[in-house]
Amino acid sequence: MLSLQMQGSHVVIGGWIEDLRKLGKITFLTVRDVTGLAQIIVKDEKVIPEDLTRQSVILVRGIIQSTKARDFQYEIKADDVEILTKAVHPLPIDPIGRLESNIDNRLNARALDLRNQRVASVFKIRHQVLASLRKELEKRKFIEITTPKIIGSASEGGANLFSLEYFGKKAYLAQSPQLYKEQLTIGLERVFEISSFYRAEKSHTGRHLSEFTSVDIEAAFFDYTDVMDVLENLVVSVFSDVEKNCKQELNTLERKLQIPKQPFDTITYSDALDELGKAGINLNFGDDLLDSHLKIIGTNHPGFFFLTDWPMSLKPFYIHEKDDEAKISRSFDLQYGHLELSSGGRRLHEPAKIRARLIEQGLDPASFEDHLRTFDWGMPPHSGWGMGLDRLMTVIIGTDNVREVVLYPRDPERLTP
């Protein structure tokens, strides 16, 4: 890193021109790279190329000296300025952010958009979130896996799948690693995956995407309350790491991050029905909870909270029932207000029960034979969850539009760039 302590040193720096202004015969340049901003002073007009433009990439050779500029600790007196790549104006957006662009124009020029320091800060924080997740899961003895994204049968029943032709066969894009991660507990016991998955929903909301990043875990010999503990501690660790390691980025975003208090509130589905009843909304056991319902419950439980013990009828075929009440599942959702961040639970590990549940939900066990046969090899009891990384990022950043935290989002209308 350059500093005033290097005063008198000859240096070479590269970056893009964020600002350019002339005062008489002196030219001032501000040059930025991913590490920060430097001021360049050019006193010899012959050093400055005539066709220099803002956002062009340049190489500067010069000497570090002191400066009277308020925003800089030093400046570089340039001996030579070389254009490496010229930025052709007019640019599609203003990457400095002086002229505001709507989200669609910004996404159409996403690479240039990243020169806006507010946007760059979002993705530096996302990097830290991913690093924190991997660090914490490895600490808990989870092994990272990579499962197929092109699959031969529906992973969770066939709804909302993208299909494609695969060398004369019909294939699908995976909507989750659910069946694979369950199988892998046979030999690896504790596994996790952070990867893209696909859901063919024609949703036009600020929280749905056709391609999304999911964080998934599965752990042998864990009950659903055990993986809830893992999830809660993971979320708190992520917030702590971001608050500690991303102070500059949070400051750029004018975002003050509050570390979630533990333990998270935990309410059952039946508790939720009671709370809604007190608000004048009467639902029957087995009715799904809509966003409008979850907003009321979220108001009663600010921040993160678990919603547990859902009816079996509302959960996938692989979820285990409670031992003392067959209509209630060993399951949970992690909520932030009305926003669902994660869903998980204890899984069935007895083949006969899984086949019965498939039939009960109108699914053909024959379509799941590759998966079911692994249960005859000695499947341990196991639990797990999947969490939407992009949704977690919206909570951290404080936005209600998931497209702000994904580099190149895919939704029903957007296939490029």
Protein backbone atom coordinates (compact mmCIF):
# COMPACT_ATOMS: atom_id res chain seq x y z
CA MET A 1 0.00 0.00 0.00
CA LEU A 2 1.23 3.49 -0.84
CA SER A 3 1.64 6.03 1.95
CA LEU A 4 3.22 9.40 2.75
CA GLN A 5 6.04 7.48 4.44
CA MET A 6 7.16 6.59 0.90
CA GLN A 7 7.67 10.30 0.11
CA GLY A 8 10.29 10.75 -2.60
CA SER A 9 9.88 7.19 -3.90
CA HIS A 10 9.35 6.48 -7.58
CA VAL A 11 6.20 4.39 -8.10
CA VAL A 12 4.10 2.92 -10.88
CA ILE A 13 0.35 2.58 -10.38
CA GLY A 14 -2.49 1.39 -12.57
CA GLY A 15 -6.20 2.09 -12.34
CA TRP A 16 -9.12 3.90 -13.90
CA ILE A 17 -9.71 7.66 -13.96
CA GLU A 18 -12.54 8.57 -11.64
CA ASP A 19 -12.16 12.31 -12.06
CA LEU A 20 -10.20 14.69 -14.25
CA ARG A 21 -9.92 18.47 -13.90
CA LYS A 22 -7.59 21.17 -15.15
CA LEU A 23 -6.55 24.28 -13.26
CA GLY A 24 -4.53 26.38 -15.68
CA LYS A 25 -1.53 24.36 -16.76
CA ILE A 26 -1.92 21.83 -13.94
CA THR A 27 -4.07 18.72 -14.34
CA PHE A 28 -5.45 16.77 -11.38
CA LEU A 29 -6.46 13.14 -11.81
CA THR A 30 -8.07 10.86 -9.27
CA VAL A 31 -7.23 7.27 -10.10
CA ARG A 32 -8.95 4.33 -8.47
CA ASP A 33 -8.30 0.63 -8.25
CA VAL A 34 -9.95 -1.99 -6.06
CA THR A 35 -7.87 -0.93 -3.05
CA GLY A 36 -8.73 2.77 -3.10
CA LEU A 37 -8.15 6.20 -4.59
CA ALA A 38 -4.99 8.19 -5.38
CA GLN A 39 -4.53 11.78 -6.50
CA ILE A 40 -2.23 12.44 -9.44
CA ILE A 41 -0.84 15.90 -10.23
CA VAL A 42 0.51 16.63 -13.70
CA LYS A 43 2.44 19.88 -14.16
CA ASP A 44 3.87 19.13 -17.62
CA GLU A 45 1.09 19.29 -20.24
CA LYS A 46 3.13 17.05 -22.54
CA VAL A 47 2.67 14.19 -20.06
CA ILE A 48 -1.13 14.18 -20.48
CA PRO A 49 -2.52 12.43 -23.59
CA GLU A 50 -4.95 14.71 -25.42
CA ASP A 51 -7.74 12.14 -25.68
CA LEU A 52 -7.80 11.18 -21.99
CA THR A 53 -11.33 10.40 -20.72
CA ARG A 54 -12.90 9.55 -17.39
CA GLN A 55 -13.01 5.79 -16.63
CA SER A 56 -10.10 5.10 -18.99
CA VAL A 57 -7.50 2.69 -17.62
CA ILE A 58 -4.09 4.29 -17.27
CA LEU A 59 -0.58 3.59 -16.01
CA VAL A 60 1.08 6.39 -14.03
CA ARG A 61 4.79 6.72 -13.27
CA GLY A 62 5.80 9.35 -10.76
CA ILE A 63 7.05 10.40 -7.34
CA ILE A 64 5.10 10.35 -4.06
CA GLN A 65 4.97 13.75 -2.38
CA SER A 66 3.01 15.55 0.32
CA THR A 67 -0.25 17.28 -0.54
CA LYS A 68 -2.50 20.04 0.72
CA ALA A 69 -5.60 18.20 -0.54
CA ARG A 70 -8.05 17.55 2.31
CA ASP A 71 -9.09 14.06 1.17
CA PHE A 72 -5.62 12.63 0.49
CA GLN A 73 -2.58 11.93 2.65
CA TYR A 74 -0.22 12.09 -0.33
CA GLU A 75 -0.23 12.68 -4.07
CA ILE A 76 1.80 11.41 -7.00
CA LYS A 77 3.61 13.91 -9.21
CA ALA A 78 3.39 12.24 -12.60
CA ASP A 79 6.35 11.92 -14.96
CA ASP A 80 4.39 9.82 -17.43
CA VAL A 81 0.72 8.93 -18.02
CA GLU A 82 0.02 6.05 -20.40
CA ILE A 83 -3.45 5.10 -21.63
CA LEU A 84 -3.88 1.33 -21.46
CA THR A 85 -7.53 1.27 -22.53
CA LYS A 86 -9.64 4.28 -23.44
CA ALA A 87 -13.21 4.54 -22.14
CA VAL A 88 -15.50 5.50 -25.02
CA HIS A 89 -18.11 8.09 -24.10
CA PRO A 90 -21.02 8.37 -23.62
CA LEU A 91 -20.98 5.52 -21.11
CA PRO A 92 -24.25 3.60 -20.54
CA ILE A 93 -24.31 4.58 -16.86
CA ASP A 94 -22.42 6.92 -14.56
CA PRO A 95 -20.28 4.56 -12.46
CA ILE A 96 -19.46 7.28 -9.93
CA GLY A 97 -23.15 7.54 -9.10
CA ARG A 98 -23.53 11.28 -9.61
CA LEU A 99 -26.26 10.54 -12.14
CA GLU A 100 -28.59 7.89 -10.78
CA SER A 101 -29.48 4.94 -13.02
CA ASN A 102 -32.33 2.47 -12.54
CA ILE A 103 -31.55 -1.13 -11.65
CA ASP A 104 -32.18 -2.48 -15.16
CA ASN A 105 -29.75 -0.06 -16.82
CA ARG A 106 -27.20 -0.85 -14.15
CA LEU A 107 -27.59 -4.60 -14.65
CA ASN A 108 -27.19 -4.16 -18.40
CA ALA A 109 -23.77 -2.63 -17.66
CA ARG A 110 -23.01 -4.59 -14.49
CA ALA A 111 -19.22 -4.73 -14.96
CA LEU A 112 -19.09 -0.93 -15.18
CA ASP A 113 -21.61 -0.66 -12.33
CA LEU A 114 -19.03 -2.28 -10.05
CA ARG A 115 -16.88 0.85 -10.31
CA ASN A 116 -19.56 2.52 -8.20
CA GLN A 117 -18.16 2.08 -4.70
CA ARG A 118 -21.59 1.44 -3.14
CA VAL A 119 -22.15 -1.43 -5.55
CA ALA A 120 -18.62 -2.78 -5.14
CA SER A 121 -19.10 -2.73 -1.35
CA VAL A 122 -22.11 -5.04 -1.65
CA PHE A 123 -20.08 -7.70 -3.42
CA LYS A 124 -17.05 -7.33 -1.16
CA ILE A 125 -19.42 -8.02 1.73
CA ARG A 126 -20.87 -11.00 -0.16
CA HIS A 127 -17.33 -12.35 -0.49
CA GLN A 128 -16.89 -12.02 3.28
CA VAL A 129 -20.22 -13.78 3.92
CA LEU A 130 -19.15 -16.74 1.79
CA ALA A 131 -15.75 -16.90 3.50
CA SER A 132 -17.42 -16.78 6.92
CA LEU A 133 -19.90 -19.55 6.06
CA ARG A 134 -17.15 -21.88 4.86
CA LYS A 135 -14.94 -21.10 7.84
CA GLU A 136 -17.69 -21.77 10.37
CA LEU A 137 -18.96 -24.95 8.70
CA GLU A 138 -15.45 -26.36 8.44
CA LYS A 139 -14.96 -25.56 12.14
CA ARG A 140 -18.04 -27.71 12.83
CA LYS A 141 -16.50 -30.63 10.87
CA PHE A 142 -18.69 -30.26 7.77
CA ILE A 143 -17.20 -31.38 4.46
CA GLU A 144 -17.89 -29.32 1.33
CA ILE A 145 -19.49 -31.22 -1.55
CA THR A 146 -20.53 -30.45 -5.13
CA THR A 147 -23.64 -32.18 -6.44
CA PRO A 148 -24.90 -32.44 -10.05
CA LYS A 149 -26.92 -29.56 -11.50
CA ILE A 150 -28.10 -31.60 -14.49
CA ILE A 151 -30.30 -34.38 -13.15
CA GLY A 152 -32.39 -37.17 -14.64
CA SER A 153 -35.46 -36.89 -12.41
CA ALA A 154 -37.20 -34.32 -10.27
CA SER A 155 -35.52 -33.87 -6.90
CA GLU A 156 -38.58 -32.76 -4.95
CA GLY A 157 -41.61 -33.81 -6.94
CA GLY A 158 -41.31 -32.10 -10.32
CA ALA A 159 -42.77 -28.64 -9.75
CA ASN A 160 -41.03 -25.53 -11.10
CA LEU A 161 -38.26 -27.37 -12.94
CA PHE A 162 -36.37 -26.28 -16.03
CA SER A 163 -36.18 -29.18 -18.50
CA LEU A 164 -33.66 -29.69 -21.28
CA GLU A 165 -32.64 -32.24 -23.90
CA TYR A 166 -29.59 -34.21 -22.77
CA PHE A 167 -28.14 -36.39 -25.57
CA GLY A 168 -31.56 -37.71 -26.52
CA LYS A 169 -32.84 -37.93 -22.95
CA LYS A 170 -34.96 -35.55 -20.90
CA ALA A 171 -33.07 -33.85 -18.09
CA TYR A 172 -33.68 -31.09 -15.58
CA LEU A 173 -31.78 -28.34 -13.84
CA ALA A 174 -31.57 -29.10 -10.13
CA GLN A 175 -33.74 -26.99 -7.84
CA SER A 176 -31.89 -28.24 -4.73
CA PRO A 177 -29.22 -30.77 -3.69
CA GLN A 178 -31.69 -32.38 -1.28
CA LEU A 179 -31.56 -36.03 -2.33
CA TYR A 180 -27.81 -36.06 -3.00
CA LYS A 181 -26.84 -34.46 0.28
CA GLU A 182 -29.01 -36.96 2.17
CA GLN A 183 -27.29 -39.84 0.39
CA LEU A 184 -23.84 -38.48 1.17
CA THR A 185 -24.41 -38.62 4.92
CA ILE A 186 -23.92 -42.40 4.57
CA GLY A 187 -20.16 -41.97 4.25
CA LEU A 188 -19.31 -38.33 4.99
CA GLU A 189 -21.83 -37.74 7.82
CA ARG A 190 -21.73 -33.91 7.79
CA VAL A 191 -21.81 -32.20 4.40
CA PHE A 192 -22.48 -28.75 2.99
CA GLU A 193 -22.78 -27.16 -0.42
CA ILE A 194 -22.86 -23.54 -1.57
CA SER A 195 -23.97 -23.46 -5.18
CA SER A 196 -26.42 -22.21 -7.80
CA PHE A 197 -29.79 -23.89 -8.21
CA TYR A 198 -32.73 -23.26 -10.50
CA ARG A 199 -36.46 -22.77 -10.11
CA ALA A 200 -38.84 -22.13 -13.01
CA GLU A 201 -41.25 -19.86 -11.16
CA LYS A 202 -42.73 -16.89 -13.01
CA SER A 203 -42.37 -14.77 -9.91
CA HIS A 204 -41.95 -11.02 -10.19
CA THR A 205 -41.02 -10.07 -6.64
CA GLY A 206 -37.99 -8.56 -4.98
CA ARG A 207 -37.04 -11.89 -3.41
CA HIS A 208 -37.41 -14.49 -6.21
CA LEU A 209 -34.89 -15.43 -8.89
CA SER A 210 -34.77 -18.21 -11.48
CA GLU A 211 -31.13 -18.90 -10.58
CA PHE A 212 -30.22 -18.50 -6.94
CA THR A 213 -27.40 -19.39 -4.57
CA SER A 214 -28.32 -21.87 -1.86
CA VAL A 215 -26.37 -22.82 1.26
CA ASP A 216 -27.24 -26.40 2.20
CA ILE A 217 -26.17 -28.68 5.00
CA GLU A 218 -27.04 -32.24 6.01
CA ALA A 219 -25.79 -33.99 9.15
CA ALA A 220 -26.04 -37.60 10.28
CA PHE A 221 -27.21 -38.26 13.85
CA PHE A 222 -28.55 -34.69 14.17
CA ASP A 223 -32.17 -33.93 15.04
CA TYR A 224 -33.88 -30.85 13.64
CA THR A 225 -33.18 -28.83 16.80
CA ASP A 226 -29.46 -29.58 16.37
CA VAL A 227 -29.32 -28.15 12.85
CA MET A 228 -31.38 -25.18 14.02
CA ASP A 229 -28.57 -24.45 16.48
CA VAL A 230 -26.02 -24.72 13.68
CA LEU A 231 -28.04 -22.29 11.54
CA GLU A 232 -28.52 -19.75 14.32
CA ASN A 233 -24.85 -19.72 15.25
CA LEU A 234 -23.86 -19.52 11.58
CA VAL A 235 -26.03 -16.45 10.98
CA VAL A 236 -24.64 -14.71 14.08
CA SER A 237 -21.06 -15.55 13.03
CA VAL A 238 -21.66 -14.14 9.55
CA PHE A 239 -22.99 -10.87 10.97
CA SER A 240 -20.07 -10.66 13.41
CA ASP A 241 -17.48 -11.31 10.68
CA VAL A 242 -19.03 -8.75 8.34
CA GLU A 243 -19.22 -6.14 11.11
CA LYS A 244 -15.58 -6.80 12.01
CA ASN A 245 -14.03 -7.17 8.55
CA CYS A 246 -16.15 -4.90 6.34
CA LYS A 247 -16.19 -1.61 8.25
CA GLN A 248 -15.20 0.44 5.21
CA GLU A 249 -17.83 -1.19 3.01
CA LEU A 250 -20.57 -0.77 5.62
CA ASN A 251 -19.55 2.87 6.01
CA THR A 252 -19.76 3.37 2.23
CA LEU A 253 -23.26 1.88 2.30
CA GLU A 254 -24.15 4.00 5.36
CA ARG A 255 -25.18 0.75 6.99
CA LYS A 256 -24.88 0.05 10.71
CA LEU A 257 -25.05 -3.69 11.24
CA GLN A 258 -26.65 -5.03 14.41
CA ILE A 259 -25.42 -8.44 15.56
CA PRO A 260 -28.54 -10.61 16.11
CA LYS A 261 -29.33 -11.37 19.73
CA GLN A 262 -29.42 -14.99 20.85
CA PRO A 263 -31.35 -17.12 21.28
CA PHE A 264 -33.63 -16.43 18.33
CA ASP A 265 -37.33 -16.46 19.11
CA THR A 266 -38.93 -19.84 18.41
CA ILE A 267 -42.67 -20.23 17.87
CA THR A 268 -44.62 -23.20 16.63
CA TYR A 269 -47.05 -23.19 13.72
CA SER A 270 -49.87 -23.55 16.28
CA ASP A 271 -48.53 -20.52 18.17
CA ALA A 272 -48.59 -18.60 14.89
CA LEU A 273 -52.25 -19.51 14.35
CA ASP A 274 -53.04 -18.25 17.85
CA GLU A 275 -51.23 -14.95 17.19
CA LEU A 276 -53.10 -14.51 13.93
CA GLY A 277 -56.38 -15.30 15.69
CA LYS A 278 -55.73 -12.48 18.14
CA ALA A 279 -55.20 -10.20 15.12
CA GLY A 280 -58.61 -11.21 13.75
CA ILE A 281 -57.34 -13.73 11.18
CA ASN A 282 -58.73 -17.21 11.74
CA LEU A 283 -56.98 -20.08 9.98
CA ASN A 284 -57.47 -23.82 10.24
CA PHE A 285 -54.64 -26.21 11.11
CA GLY A 286 -53.07 -27.17 7.80
CA ASP A 287 -53.61 -23.80 6.08
CA ASP A 288 -50.46 -22.30 4.66
CA LEU A 289 -49.21 -18.96 5.95
CA LEU A 290 -49.25 -16.12 3.42
CA ASP A 291 -46.93 -13.12 3.33
CA SER A 292 -49.67 -11.01 4.92
CA HIS A 293 -49.84 -13.49 7.81
CA LEU A 294 -46.07 -13.64 8.22
CA LYS A 295 -45.84 -9.84 8.33
CA ILE A 296 -48.11 -9.86 11.40
CA ILE A 297 -46.08 -12.61 13.07
CA GLY A 298 -42.84 -10.84 12.15
CA THR A 299 -44.06 -7.68 13.84
CA ASN A 300 -44.52 -9.70 17.04
CA HIS A 301 -41.03 -11.19 16.73
CA PRO A 302 -38.60 -8.55 15.41
CA GLY A 303 -35.44 -9.78 13.74
CA PHE A 304 -34.72 -13.46 13.16
CA PHE A 305 -37.10 -16.10 14.47
CA PHE A 306 -37.79 -19.80 13.94
CA LEU A 307 -41.22 -21.06 12.94
CA THR A 308 -41.34 -24.75 13.89
CA ASP A 309 -43.53 -27.86 13.93
CA TRP A 310 -45.38 -27.33 10.67
CA PRO A 311 -48.21 -29.66 9.61
CA MET A 312 -46.94 -32.67 7.69
CA SER A 313 -49.31 -31.79 4.86
CA LEU A 314 -47.34 -28.59 4.14
CA LYS A 315 -43.90 -30.22 4.04
CA PRO A 316 -42.04 -32.33 1.41
CA PHE A 317 -42.18 -36.13 1.39
CA TYR A 318 -38.79 -36.57 3.07
CA ILE A 319 -39.66 -34.71 6.31
CA HIS A 320 -40.03 -36.79 9.49
CA GLU A 321 -43.13 -36.64 11.65
CA LYS A 322 -43.09 -36.04 15.40
CA ASP A 323 -43.06 -39.25 17.42
CA ASP A 324 -46.00 -38.21 19.59
CA GLU A 325 -48.08 -36.49 16.88
CA ALA A 326 -48.09 -37.90 13.35
CA LYS A 327 -49.72 -34.80 11.83
CA ILE A 328 -46.91 -32.51 12.98
CA SER A 329 -43.48 -32.47 11.35
CA ARG A 330 -40.01 -32.09 12.80
CA SER A 331 -39.41 -29.04 10.69
CA PHE A 332 -38.68 -25.32 10.82
CA ASP A 333 -38.33 -22.16 8.77
CA LEU A 334 -35.95 -19.36 9.67
CA GLN A 335 -37.74 -16.06 9.16
CA TYR A 336 -36.68 -12.44 9.10
CA GLY A 337 -40.02 -10.73 9.34
CA HIS A 338 -42.12 -12.13 6.49
CA LEU A 339 -38.99 -13.15 4.55
CA GLU A 340 -38.25 -16.88 4.63
CA LEU A 341 -34.49 -17.39 4.71
CA SER A 342 -34.20 -21.10 5.37
CA SER A 343 -36.27 -24.25 5.60
CA GLY A 344 -35.22 -27.54 7.13
CA GLY A 345 -35.95 -30.42 9.43
CA ARG A 346 -35.39 -34.01 10.39
CA ARG A 347 -35.50 -36.38 7.39
CA LEU A 348 -37.11 -39.78 7.07
CA HIS A 349 -34.48 -42.50 6.93
CA GLU A 350 -36.71 -45.61 6.85
CA PRO A 351 -37.35 -46.68 3.20
CA ALA A 352 -40.88 -47.98 3.86
CA LYS A 353 -41.96 -44.68 5.38
CA ILE A 354 -40.50 -42.70 2.49
CA ARG A 355 -42.35 -44.82 -0.08
CA ALA A 356 -45.59 -44.37 1.85
CA ARG A 357 -45.09 -40.59 1.98
CA LEU A 358 -44.38 -40.42 -1.76
CA ILE A 359 -47.63 -42.21 -2.51
CA GLU A 360 -49.48 -40.05 0.00
CA GLN A 361 -48.29 -36.92 -1.85
CA GLY A 362 -49.21 -38.32 -5.27
CA LEU A 363 -45.65 -39.08 -6.33
CA ASP A 364 -44.43 -42.28 -7.99
CA PRO A 365 -41.82 -44.14 -5.89
CA ALA A 366 -40.45 -45.62 -9.12
CA SER A 367 -39.21 -42.15 -10.10
CA PHE A 368 -37.09 -42.07 -6.94
CA GLU A 369 -35.65 -45.60 -7.04
CA ASP A 370 -32.04 -44.43 -7.48
CA HIS A 371 -32.46 -42.42 -4.31
CA LEU A 372 -34.46 -44.97 -2.36
CA ARG A 373 -32.02 -47.83 -2.88
CA THR A 374 -29.34 -45.92 -0.97
CA PHE A 375 -31.54 -46.23 2.13
CA ASP A 376 -31.06 -49.99 2.01
CA TRP A 377 -27.32 -49.55 2.49
CA GLY A 378 -27.58 -48.33 6.07
CA MET A 379 -28.85 -44.76 6.09
CA PRO A 380 -28.23 -42.94 9.39
CA PRO A 381 -30.86 -40.63 10.90
CA HIS A 382 -30.12 -37.15 9.58
CA SER A 383 -31.32 -33.55 9.49
CA GLY A 384 -30.50 -30.50 7.42
CA TRP A 385 -31.56 -27.23 5.90
CA GLY A 386 -31.21 -25.02 2.87
CA MET A 387 -30.75 -21.24 3.12
CA GLY A 388 -31.00 -18.62 0.40
CA LEU A 389 -27.68 -16.77 0.36
CA ASP A 390 -29.12 -13.97 -1.76
CA ARG A 391 -31.96 -13.39 0.69
CA LEU A 392 -29.54 -13.35 3.62
CA MET A 393 -27.52 -10.73 1.75
CA THR A 394 -30.60 -8.50 1.38
CA VAL A 395 -30.98 -8.55 5.16
CA ILE A 396 -27.32 -7.70 5.72
CA ILE A 397 -27.29 -4.91 3.13
CA GLY A 398 -30.75 -3.60 3.98
CA THR A 399 -32.45 -3.84 0.59
CA ASP A 400 -35.76 -5.35 -0.48
CA ASN A 401 -34.56 -6.20 -4.02
CA VAL A 402 -32.54 -9.41 -4.32
CA ARG A 403 -31.20 -8.31 -7.71
CA GLU A 404 -29.05 -5.72 -5.91
CA VAL A 405 -26.96 -8.48 -4.29
CA VAL A 406 -26.53 -10.81 -7.30
CA LEU A 407 -23.96 -9.96 -9.96
CA TYR A 408 -25.89 -11.22 -12.98
CA PRO A 409 -29.42 -12.07 -11.82
CA ARG A 410 -31.71 -14.36 -13.79
CA ASP A 411 -35.45 -13.83 -13.59
CA PRO A 412 -38.32 -14.55 -16.01
CA GLU A 413 -37.37 -11.51 -18.14
CA ARG A 414 -33.59 -11.37 -17.82
CA LEU A 415 -31.27 -13.78 -19.64
CA THR A 416 -28.44 -11.32 -20.44
CA PRO A 417 -25.82 -10.12 -19.90
